[in-house]
Amino acid sequence: MASALNEACATGSDASMQRVMDYFQIRRMLTWDNPTPAVRMQRLRKAVRERLPGVDELTLDDSRLLVARSSGYRTWNDLVTAPL
């Protein structure tokens, strides 16, 4: 999921954008007015910046942190080492 978030922010790839919208449940926020793919990507980047202040270029580690936080963990390491 973290790599899909990175790809969606970097390229706006439709497949990655779909995965991100489904995972984070943000489809309505990004598509409410049927925007162009460029506008959807801009909205996604804005949402990421709001959740990670000070981040200009999203790295894989930043994406992992967002995925972990969305799952209720403080860090990526906490998420991957959590018992199943």
N, C-alpha and C. Protein backbone atom coordinates (compact mmCIF):
# COMPACT_ATOMS: atom_id res chain seq x y z
N MET A 1 0.82 -1.19 0.00
CA MET A 1 0.00 0.00 0.00
C MET A 1 0.86 1.26 0.00
N ALA A 2 1.96 1.24 0.74
CA ALA A 2 2.83 2.41 0.79
C ALA A 2 3.38 2.74 -0.59
N SER A 3 3.75 1.73 -1.35
CA SER A 3 4.29 2.00 -2.69
C SER A 3 3.20 2.53 -3.61
N ALA A 4 1.96 2.09 -3.44
CA ALA A 4 0.84 2.61 -4.23
C ALA A 4 0.61 4.08 -3.91
N LEU A 5 0.71 4.45 -2.65
CA LEU A 5 0.56 5.85 -2.25
C LEU A 5 1.66 6.69 -2.88
N ASN A 6 2.88 6.20 -2.83
CA ASN A 6 4.00 6.91 -3.45
C ASN A 6 3.76 7.11 -4.94
N GLU A 7 3.35 6.05 -5.61
CA GLU A 7 3.12 6.12 -7.05
C GLU A 7 1.97 7.06 -7.39
N ALA A 8 0.90 7.00 -6.61
CA ALA A 8 -0.25 7.87 -6.87
C ALA A 8 0.13 9.34 -6.72
N CYS A 9 0.93 9.66 -5.72
CA CYS A 9 1.36 11.04 -5.52
C CYS A 9 2.35 11.49 -6.60
N ALA A 10 3.19 10.57 -7.05
CA ALA A 10 4.23 10.93 -8.01
C ALA A 10 3.72 10.99 -9.44
N THR A 11 2.86 10.04 -9.81
CA THR A 11 2.48 9.93 -11.22
C THR A 11 0.98 10.07 -11.47
N GLY A 12 0.18 9.87 -10.43
CA GLY A 12 -1.26 9.89 -10.62
C GLY A 12 -1.79 8.65 -11.31
N SER A 13 -0.99 7.59 -11.33
CA SER A 13 -1.38 6.34 -11.96
C SER A 13 -2.79 5.95 -11.51
N ASP A 14 -3.64 5.63 -12.48
CA ASP A 14 -5.03 5.33 -12.16
C ASP A 14 -5.16 4.13 -11.22
N ALA A 15 -4.40 3.07 -11.48
CA ALA A 15 -4.48 1.88 -10.62
C ALA A 15 -4.04 2.21 -9.19
N SER A 16 -2.96 2.95 -9.06
CA SER A 16 -2.49 3.32 -7.71
C SER A 16 -3.47 4.26 -7.03
N MET A 17 -4.01 5.20 -7.79
CA MET A 17 -4.97 6.14 -7.22
C MET A 17 -6.20 5.40 -6.72
N GLN A 18 -6.67 4.41 -7.48
CA GLN A 18 -7.83 3.62 -7.05
C GLN A 18 -7.54 2.89 -5.75
N ARG A 19 -6.36 2.26 -5.66
CA ARG A 19 -5.98 1.54 -4.43
C ARG A 19 -5.93 2.48 -3.23
N VAL A 20 -5.33 3.66 -3.43
CA VAL A 20 -5.21 4.64 -2.34
C VAL A 20 -6.59 5.12 -1.90
N MET A 21 -7.45 5.45 -2.87
CA MET A 21 -8.79 5.93 -2.51
C MET A 21 -9.57 4.87 -1.74
N ASP A 22 -9.44 3.62 -2.14
CA ASP A 22 -10.14 2.54 -1.43
C ASP A 22 -9.55 2.30 -0.05
N TYR A 23 -8.24 2.24 0.05
CA TYR A 23 -7.59 1.93 1.32
C TYR A 23 -7.86 3.01 2.37
N PHE A 24 -7.67 4.27 1.98
CA PHE A 24 -7.83 5.37 2.93
C PHE A 24 -9.27 5.91 2.97
N GLN A 25 -10.14 5.33 2.15
CA GLN A 25 -11.55 5.73 2.09
C GLN A 25 -11.69 7.23 1.82
N ILE A 26 -11.02 7.68 0.76
CA ILE A 26 -11.01 9.11 0.43
C ILE A 26 -11.54 9.37 -0.98
N ARG A 27 -12.23 8.42 -1.54
CA ARG A 27 -12.74 8.57 -2.91
C ARG A 27 -13.60 9.83 -3.04
N ARG A 28 -14.53 10.02 -2.15
CA ARG A 28 -15.43 11.18 -2.25
C ARG A 28 -14.65 12.48 -2.17
N MET A 29 -13.68 12.55 -1.26
CA MET A 29 -12.88 13.76 -1.09
C MET A 29 -12.12 14.12 -2.37
N LEU A 30 -11.67 13.10 -3.09
CA LEU A 30 -10.86 13.36 -4.27
C LEU A 30 -11.68 13.49 -5.55
N THR A 31 -12.88 12.92 -5.56
CA THR A 31 -13.62 12.83 -6.84
C THR A 31 -15.01 13.45 -6.81
N TRP A 32 -15.37 14.17 -5.79
CA TRP A 32 -16.75 14.66 -5.63
C TRP A 32 -17.27 15.46 -6.82
N ASP A 33 -16.40 16.14 -7.54
CA ASP A 33 -16.86 16.96 -8.67
C ASP A 33 -16.34 16.44 -10.02
N ASN A 34 -15.96 15.16 -10.04
CA ASN A 34 -15.47 14.51 -11.26
C ASN A 34 -14.29 15.28 -11.88
N PRO A 35 -13.23 15.51 -11.08
CA PRO A 35 -12.10 16.30 -11.57
C PRO A 35 -11.21 15.53 -12.54
N THR A 36 -10.33 16.24 -13.16
CA THR A 36 -9.34 15.61 -14.03
C THR A 36 -8.36 14.82 -13.16
N PRO A 37 -7.64 13.87 -13.74
CA PRO A 37 -6.64 13.14 -12.97
C PRO A 37 -5.60 14.06 -12.32
N ALA A 38 -5.23 15.13 -12.98
CA ALA A 38 -4.25 16.06 -12.42
C ALA A 38 -4.79 16.73 -11.15
N VAL A 39 -6.06 17.07 -11.13
CA VAL A 39 -6.67 17.69 -9.95
C VAL A 39 -6.78 16.67 -8.82
N ARG A 40 -7.14 15.44 -9.16
CA ARG A 40 -7.19 14.39 -8.11
C ARG A 40 -5.82 14.21 -7.47
N MET A 41 -4.77 14.19 -8.29
CA MET A 41 -3.42 14.03 -7.77
C MET A 41 -3.05 15.22 -6.89
N GLN A 42 -3.42 16.42 -7.29
CA GLN A 42 -3.16 17.61 -6.50
C GLN A 42 -3.87 17.53 -5.15
N ARG A 43 -5.11 17.07 -5.15
CA ARG A 43 -5.86 16.93 -3.89
C ARG A 43 -5.23 15.88 -2.98
N LEU A 44 -4.77 14.79 -3.57
CA LEU A 44 -4.11 13.76 -2.78
C LEU A 44 -2.84 14.31 -2.15
N ARG A 45 -2.04 15.01 -2.92
CA ARG A 45 -0.81 15.60 -2.38
C ARG A 45 -1.10 16.57 -1.25
N LYS A 46 -2.17 17.35 -1.39
CA LYS A 46 -2.55 18.28 -0.34
C LYS A 46 -2.93 17.53 0.94
N ALA A 47 -3.69 16.46 0.79
CA ALA A 47 -4.09 15.65 1.95
C ALA A 47 -2.87 15.05 2.65
N VAL A 48 -1.89 14.62 1.87
CA VAL A 48 -0.66 14.06 2.44
C VAL A 48 0.09 15.15 3.21
N ARG A 49 0.22 16.34 2.62
CA ARG A 49 0.93 17.44 3.29
C ARG A 49 0.25 17.83 4.59
N GLU A 50 -1.08 17.75 4.63
CA GLU A 50 -1.81 18.08 5.86
C GLU A 50 -1.52 17.06 6.96
N ARG A 51 -1.29 15.81 6.57
CA ARG A 51 -1.03 14.76 7.55
C ARG A 51 0.45 14.65 7.91
N LEU A 52 1.30 15.15 7.04
CA LEU A 52 2.75 15.13 7.27
C LEU A 52 3.32 16.53 7.02
N PRO A 53 3.09 17.46 7.93
CA PRO A 53 3.58 18.82 7.73
C PRO A 53 5.11 18.81 7.53
N GLY A 54 5.56 19.65 6.63
CA GLY A 54 6.98 19.77 6.37
C GLY A 54 7.51 18.83 5.31
N VAL A 55 6.67 17.91 4.81
CA VAL A 55 7.11 16.98 3.78
C VAL A 55 6.76 17.57 2.41
N ASP A 56 7.79 17.81 1.61
CA ASP A 56 7.55 18.34 0.26
C ASP A 56 7.52 17.22 -0.76
N GLU A 57 8.51 16.36 -0.74
CA GLU A 57 8.58 15.20 -1.63
C GLU A 57 8.29 13.95 -0.81
N LEU A 58 7.26 13.25 -1.13
CA LEU A 58 6.88 12.05 -0.39
C LEU A 58 7.86 10.92 -0.67
N THR A 59 8.42 10.37 0.39
CA THR A 59 9.32 9.22 0.26
C THR A 59 8.55 7.95 0.63
N LEU A 60 9.16 6.82 0.36
CA LEU A 60 8.54 5.56 0.74
C LEU A 60 8.37 5.48 2.26
N ASP A 61 9.34 5.98 3.00
CA ASP A 61 9.22 5.98 4.47
C ASP A 61 8.04 6.84 4.92
N ASP A 62 7.83 7.98 4.27
CA ASP A 62 6.67 8.83 4.60
C ASP A 62 5.37 8.08 4.33
N SER A 63 5.31 7.41 3.20
CA SER A 63 4.12 6.64 2.85
C SER A 63 3.88 5.52 3.85
N ARG A 64 4.94 4.87 4.25
CA ARG A 64 4.81 3.80 5.26
C ARG A 64 4.27 4.36 6.56
N LEU A 65 4.74 5.53 6.96
CA LEU A 65 4.26 6.15 8.19
C LEU A 65 2.76 6.43 8.10
N LEU A 66 2.30 6.94 6.97
CA LEU A 66 0.86 7.20 6.81
C LEU A 66 0.04 5.92 6.85
N VAL A 67 0.55 4.87 6.24
CA VAL A 67 -0.15 3.59 6.28
C VAL A 67 -0.22 3.06 7.71
N ALA A 68 0.89 3.14 8.42
CA ALA A 68 0.92 2.68 9.81
C ALA A 68 -0.06 3.47 10.67
N ARG A 69 -0.03 4.78 10.55
CA ARG A 69 -0.93 5.63 11.34
C ARG A 69 -2.39 5.35 11.01
N SER A 70 -2.68 5.10 9.75
CA SER A 70 -4.08 4.83 9.37
C SER A 70 -4.56 3.50 9.93
N SER A 71 -3.61 2.64 10.29
CA SER A 71 -3.94 1.34 10.87
C SER A 71 -3.89 1.36 12.40
N GLY A 72 -3.63 2.54 12.97
CA GLY A 72 -3.63 2.69 14.42
C GLY A 72 -2.27 2.48 15.08
N TYR A 73 -1.21 2.47 14.29
CA TYR A 73 0.13 2.29 14.84
C TYR A 73 0.90 3.60 14.76
N ARG A 74 1.84 3.77 15.66
CA ARG A 74 2.64 4.99 15.69
C ARG A 74 3.68 5.02 14.59
N THR A 75 4.26 3.87 14.30
CA THR A 75 5.34 3.79 13.31
C THR A 75 5.13 2.59 12.39
N TRP A 76 5.86 2.59 11.29
CA TRP A 76 5.84 1.46 10.36
C TRP A 76 6.36 0.21 11.07
N ASN A 77 7.42 0.36 11.83
CA ASN A 77 7.99 -0.78 12.55
C ASN A 77 6.98 -1.40 13.52
N ASP A 78 6.22 -0.55 14.21
CA ASP A 78 5.17 -1.06 15.10
C ASP A 78 4.15 -1.90 14.32
N LEU A 79 3.81 -1.45 13.14
CA LEU A 79 2.85 -2.16 12.30
C LEU A 79 3.39 -3.52 11.85
N VAL A 80 4.61 -3.53 11.32
CA VAL A 80 5.13 -4.78 10.76
C VAL A 80 5.54 -5.80 11.83
N THR A 81 5.74 -5.33 13.05
CA THR A 81 6.12 -6.28 14.11
C THR A 81 4.93 -6.64 15.01
N ALA A 82 3.76 -6.10 14.70
CA ALA A 82 2.57 -6.41 15.50
C ALA A 82 2.16 -7.86 15.27
N PRO A 83 1.73 -8.53 16.33
CA PRO A 83 1.26 -9.91 16.15
C PRO A 83 0.01 -9.93 15.28
N LEU A 84 -0.12 -10.99 14.51
CA LEU A 84 -1.29 -11.12 13.62
C LEU A 84 -2.48 -11.53 14.36
